[in-house]
């Protein structure tokens, strides 16, 4: 009988704690639980600091230019047959699904193929997905420096007399303070991306 009473009292204590978490999170400290994401939370990672690359108009851009916005960065190339158009189409769908909050999102496409991705081609390519998307490029050395900073893999692969590019497929999300927050997986949907950015917005 004593065991039953002790067990009952333990359940009562647990239920009381849960109710306090739901009704008074500021007092119980339950609001300090880390948010849960579909993406990889890389908040505080010692990398992903910034970039200095040129837009199609020749203006040098960095993360500082987009303070106050959530910034989604993806690395790719305009002749990419599947991965890159899928990533940018998903970003466009994501922005649309966010409604008014979509105005707080800036999508940036960084070329890993500066040899073929001219400024004119970059402008035409990104605008095909959304007029607000910005394409950035540098010379070969600048491209390598930024890719190393973002831990992005890329390599030329010979295809007869031409070549294609192998590259990693993560998208990187920065908060409005320019801090890296999430590495978002390519296999996830626009809905999962939107869920993650809304979670981040609610915990800012």
Foldseek 3Di string as FASTA:
>chain_A
DVVVVVVVVVVVVVVVLVVCCVPPVVVSVNLVPDDDAPFDWCFPPPFLQKAFWAWLVGHTDMLVVLAQAKEKEWEEALVDDPQVVLVLLQLLVLLVVLPPNSVRYEYEYEYQCPVPCHNVNQQVRNVVRPNRYIYTYDPNVRSVVNCVRVVKDKDWADDDVRTHMDIDRWMWIAHSRSTTTGTGDSPDGSVSVNVRVVSVVVSD
